């Protein structure tokens, strides 16, 4: 089990920066997908304390 990082690891920083090179601006979901993939790849477990979260959206999401 790897400890939760206190700073952005170099390889993750490079991945997030590469997302910025796409023609379309990446969404928060794109960022989270890259972070989630990195955490799984390195078998990083969440810290023992509760992480802050936003409430789930209950209504429609996206353009209407």
Protein backbone atom coordinates (compact mmCIF):
# COMPACT_ATOMS: atom_id res chain seq x y z
CA UNK A 1 0.00 0.00 0.00
CA UNK A 2 1.37 3.39 -1.02
CA UNK A 3 0.74 6.45 1.11
CA UNK A 4 -1.47 9.27 -0.15
CA UNK A 5 0.80 11.90 -1.78
CA UNK A 6 1.16 15.32 -0.16
CA UNK A 7 2.10 16.96 -3.48
CA UNK A 8 1.33 16.18 -7.13
CA UNK A 9 3.74 13.43 -8.27
CA UNK A 10 5.79 14.26 -11.35
CA UNK A 11 4.27 11.59 -13.62
CA UNK A 12 0.73 12.66 -12.68
CA UNK A 13 1.63 16.33 -13.25
CA UNK A 14 2.91 15.44 -16.73
CA UNK A 15 -0.34 13.56 -17.52
CA UNK A 16 -2.49 16.49 -16.38
CA UNK A 17 -0.37 18.93 -18.39
CA UNK A 18 -0.70 16.74 -21.48
CA UNK A 19 -4.50 17.00 -21.16
CA UNK A 20 -4.10 20.79 -21.57
CA UNK A 21 -2.53 20.24 -25.01
CA UNK A 22 -5.76 18.86 -26.51
CA UNK A 23 -7.71 21.09 -28.84
CA UNK A 24 -10.75 21.04 -26.54
CA UNK A 25 -10.22 22.17 -22.96
CA UNK A 26 -10.36 19.16 -20.59
CA UNK A 27 -13.24 18.96 -18.16
CA UNK A 28 -13.01 18.32 -14.44
CA UNK A 29 -14.14 14.77 -15.27
CA UNK A 30 -11.10 14.36 -17.56
CA UNK A 31 -8.82 15.52 -14.73
CA UNK A 32 -10.50 13.19 -12.24
CA UNK A 33 -10.20 10.25 -14.66
CA UNK A 34 -6.44 10.86 -14.99
CA UNK A 35 -6.05 11.16 -11.21
CA UNK A 36 -8.18 8.07 -10.56
CA UNK A 37 -6.18 6.09 -13.12
CA UNK A 38 -2.92 7.21 -11.47
CA UNK A 39 -4.14 6.27 -7.97
CA UNK A 40 -5.17 2.79 -9.16
CA UNK A 41 -1.94 2.27 -11.13
CA UNK A 42 0.16 3.04 -8.04
CA UNK A 43 -2.18 1.24 -5.62
CA UNK A 44 -2.59 4.39 -3.53
CA UNK A 45 -5.09 4.04 -0.72
CA UNK A 46 -7.07 7.04 0.54
CA UNK A 47 -5.96 8.65 3.80
CA UNK A 48 -7.48 7.53 7.09
CA UNK A 49 -9.44 10.76 7.47
CA UNK A 50 -12.53 11.64 5.45
CA UNK A 51 -11.88 13.65 2.30
CA UNK A 52 -14.13 16.61 1.52
CA UNK A 53 -16.71 15.90 -1.19
CA UNK A 54 -19.33 17.83 -3.08
CA UNK A 55 -22.94 16.62 -2.97
CA UNK A 56 -24.07 14.58 -5.95
CA UNK A 57 -26.14 16.40 -8.55
CA UNK A 58 -29.80 15.43 -8.51
CA UNK A 59 -31.00 17.12 -11.67
CA UNK A 60 -30.06 16.90 -15.35
CA UNK A 61 -26.42 17.56 -16.24
CA UNK A 62 -25.15 19.16 -19.43
CA UNK A 63 -26.76 21.34 -22.04
CA UNK A 64 -30.51 21.42 -22.26
